[in-house]
Amino acid sequence: MITAHLPAGYVLGRSLTSARYVVPAAVFGAALPDLDLIWFYLIDDRAFHHHHYWVHIPGFWLIVGAVVLPLVRRAKPALLPAGIAFFLSIFLHICLDAIAGGIAWAWPFSDRFFTLIEVPARFDHWVLNFILHPVFLIEVAIWAAALTLPVGRRREA
């Protein structure tokens, strides 16, 4: 995914509940794994693919969620829906990345990266390879879904 993580988080957050902070938590969670791009470009000088960083490892987030969510439930139960939305959005991000980018689903048991669809390198720039591949239509569909949702909080009946 190149552009659809934020709108995917928005759609997820809007579909869960109208509880306070859910949509912002979902949008932040959907974007969080790609904050590693700062390190990737500015520090690591693109030494290896950013999906190798811990923020793109599902097992890491499983462990963090298993520790954090019970603590949130105990300390501040009203924030639990937002916490769940946050972690669900992180996993949504990772699932979307797994469509055409490798994800280490079996970590810590294996370092192997799994990809659903291989996007061939037909053009000089990697972005062109993705936006001119049919898999980019998934991103277009996510954006369309997000843009069809009305802005603002949904009212529960």
Protein backbone atom coordinates (compact mmCIF):
# COMPACT_ATOMS: atom_id res chain seq x y z
CA MET A 1 0.00 0.00 0.00
CA ILE A 2 1.17 3.46 -0.83
CA THR A 3 -1.65 5.84 0.02
CA ALA A 4 -4.54 3.87 1.55
CA HIS A 5 -3.47 3.28 5.15
CA LEU A 6 -5.02 6.46 6.57
CA PRO A 7 -8.37 6.08 4.79
CA ALA A 8 -8.43 2.38 5.73
CA GLY A 9 -7.98 3.33 9.38
CA TYR A 10 -10.74 5.90 9.03
CA VAL A 11 -13.13 3.35 7.53
CA LEU A 12 -12.27 0.84 10.25
CA GLY A 13 -12.72 3.38 13.03
CA ARG A 14 -16.04 4.58 11.65
CA SER A 15 -17.28 1.01 11.32
CA LEU A 16 -16.49 0.01 14.92
CA THR A 17 -18.39 2.38 17.20
CA SER A 18 -19.05 6.03 17.84
CA ALA A 19 -17.22 5.87 21.17
CA ARG A 20 -14.96 8.81 21.84
CA TYR A 21 -11.43 8.73 20.39
CA VAL A 22 -12.06 5.57 18.32
CA VAL A 23 -11.66 7.17 14.88
CA PRO A 24 -8.51 9.16 15.80
CA ALA A 25 -7.00 6.07 17.44
CA ALA A 26 -7.80 3.97 14.37
CA VAL A 27 -6.32 6.53 11.98
CA PHE A 28 -3.17 6.88 14.11
CA GLY A 29 -2.80 3.09 14.38
CA ALA A 30 -3.20 2.72 10.64
CA ALA A 31 -0.37 5.19 10.02
CA LEU A 32 1.97 4.23 12.87
CA PRO A 33 3.89 1.38 11.20
CA ASP A 34 4.99 3.65 8.37
CA LEU A 35 6.60 6.13 10.74
CA ASP A 36 9.57 3.79 10.37
CA LEU A 37 10.11 5.47 7.00
CA ILE A 38 11.68 8.38 8.87
CA TRP A 39 14.35 6.02 10.19
CA PHE A 40 14.53 4.19 6.84
CA TYR A 41 15.33 7.33 4.85
CA LEU A 42 17.10 9.60 7.34
CA ILE A 43 19.12 7.22 9.52
CA ASP A 44 19.39 3.81 7.87
CA ASP A 45 19.95 5.19 4.35
CA ARG A 46 17.60 2.51 2.99
CA ALA A 47 19.93 -0.29 4.13
CA PHE A 48 17.09 -2.82 3.99
CA HIS A 49 13.35 -2.80 3.39
CA HIS A 50 11.36 -1.00 6.07
CA HIS A 51 9.07 -4.03 6.55
CA HIS A 52 12.01 -5.59 8.41
CA TYR A 53 11.63 -3.07 11.24
CA TRP A 54 9.75 -4.12 14.39
CA VAL A 55 6.77 -1.84 13.62
CA HIS A 56 5.88 -4.10 10.68
CA ILE A 57 6.16 -7.35 12.64
CA PRO A 58 2.72 -8.73 13.63
CA GLY A 59 4.13 -10.80 16.50
CA PHE A 60 5.55 -7.68 18.12
CA TRP A 61 2.15 -5.98 18.09
CA LEU A 62 0.44 -9.12 19.40
CA ILE A 63 2.72 -9.03 22.42
CA VAL A 64 2.29 -5.27 22.94
CA GLY A 65 -1.50 -5.48 22.58
CA ALA A 66 -1.70 -8.44 24.96
CA VAL A 67 0.09 -6.35 27.59
CA VAL A 68 -1.41 -2.90 26.95
CA LEU A 69 -5.10 -3.66 26.41
CA PRO A 70 -5.67 -5.38 29.77
CA LEU A 71 -3.89 -2.47 31.46
CA VAL A 72 -6.12 0.03 29.66
CA ARG A 73 -9.19 -2.01 30.57
CA ARG A 74 -8.20 -1.92 34.23
CA ALA A 75 -6.97 1.68 34.44
CA LYS A 76 -9.30 3.52 32.06
CA PRO A 77 -12.11 1.28 30.73
CA ALA A 78 -13.66 4.14 28.75
CA LEU A 79 -10.56 4.17 26.52
CA LEU A 80 -10.69 0.44 25.75
CA PRO A 81 -12.66 0.86 22.48
CA ALA A 82 -10.04 3.36 21.27
CA GLY A 83 -7.24 1.01 22.32
CA ILE A 84 -8.84 -1.88 20.45
CA ALA A 85 -9.33 0.33 17.38
CA PHE A 86 -5.67 1.39 17.57
CA PHE A 87 -4.34 -2.19 17.57
CA LEU A 88 -6.87 -3.39 14.98
CA SER A 89 -5.72 -0.59 12.69
CA ILE A 90 -2.10 -1.57 13.11
CA PHE A 91 -3.01 -5.10 12.05
CA LEU A 92 -5.08 -3.70 9.19
CA HIS A 93 -2.01 -1.76 8.05
CA ILE A 94 0.12 -4.89 8.19
CA CYS A 95 -2.53 -6.94 6.33
CA LEU A 96 -2.74 -4.31 3.60
CA ASP A 97 1.06 -4.29 3.32
CA ALA A 98 1.03 -8.08 3.02
CA ILE A 99 -0.97 -7.88 -0.20
CA ALA A 100 1.96 -6.69 -2.29
CA GLY A 101 4.79 -6.37 0.23
CA GLY A 102 6.47 -8.93 2.43
CA ILE A 103 5.45 -9.35 6.07
CA ALA A 104 7.09 -11.69 8.61
CA TRP A 105 3.88 -13.38 9.76
CA ALA A 106 5.69 -16.29 11.43
CA TRP A 107 8.08 -14.21 13.56
CA PRO A 108 9.66 -15.16 16.02
CA PHE A 109 9.65 -18.70 14.60
CA SER A 110 10.77 -17.66 11.12
CA ASP A 111 12.21 -14.58 9.44
CA ARG A 112 10.54 -15.49 6.15
CA PHE A 113 8.47 -12.75 4.53
CA PHE A 114 5.12 -13.63 3.00
CA THR A 115 3.54 -11.73 0.10
CA LEU A 116 0.14 -12.37 -1.45
CA ILE A 117 0.82 -10.74 -4.84
CA GLU A 118 4.23 -10.12 -6.40
CA VAL A 119 4.38 -6.81 -8.26
CA PRO A 120 6.96 -7.16 -11.04
CA ALA A 121 9.56 -4.44 -11.56
CA ARG A 122 8.66 -3.23 -15.04
CA PHE A 123 9.42 0.45 -14.60
CA ASP A 124 12.45 2.34 -13.32
CA HIS A 125 10.70 3.84 -10.30
CA TRP A 126 9.10 1.49 -7.75
CA VAL A 127 6.03 3.72 -7.34
CA LEU A 128 5.12 3.30 -11.02
CA ASN A 129 5.28 -0.47 -10.60
CA PHE A 130 2.59 -0.27 -7.93
CA ILE A 131 0.24 2.37 -9.30
CA LEU A 132 0.23 0.81 -12.76
CA HIS A 133 -0.44 -2.68 -11.38
CA PRO A 134 -4.04 -3.94 -10.87
CA VAL A 135 -3.37 -4.29 -7.13
CA PHE A 136 -3.55 -0.48 -6.92
CA LEU A 137 -7.30 -0.78 -7.50
CA ILE A 138 -7.55 -1.99 -3.88
CA GLU A 139 -6.19 1.38 -2.79
CA VAL A 140 -8.66 3.17 -5.03
CA ALA A 141 -11.51 1.13 -3.50
CA ILE A 142 -10.37 1.99 0.03
CA TRP A 143 -10.23 5.68 -0.82
CA ALA A 144 -13.71 5.46 -2.41
CA ALA A 145 -15.09 3.80 0.73
CA ALA A 146 -13.54 6.47 2.96
CA LEU A 147 -14.81 9.32 0.80
CA THR A 148 -18.36 8.00 0.84
CA LEU A 149 -18.54 8.15 4.63
CA PRO A 150 -19.94 11.39 5.98
CA VAL A 151 -17.58 13.51 8.06
CA GLY A 152 -18.31 13.72 11.76
CA ARG A 153 -19.35 11.37 14.51
CA ARG A 154 -22.03 8.81 13.85
CA ARG A 155 -24.99 8.89 16.23
CA GLU A 156 -25.99 5.62 17.87
CA ALA A 157 -29.70 4.88 17.92
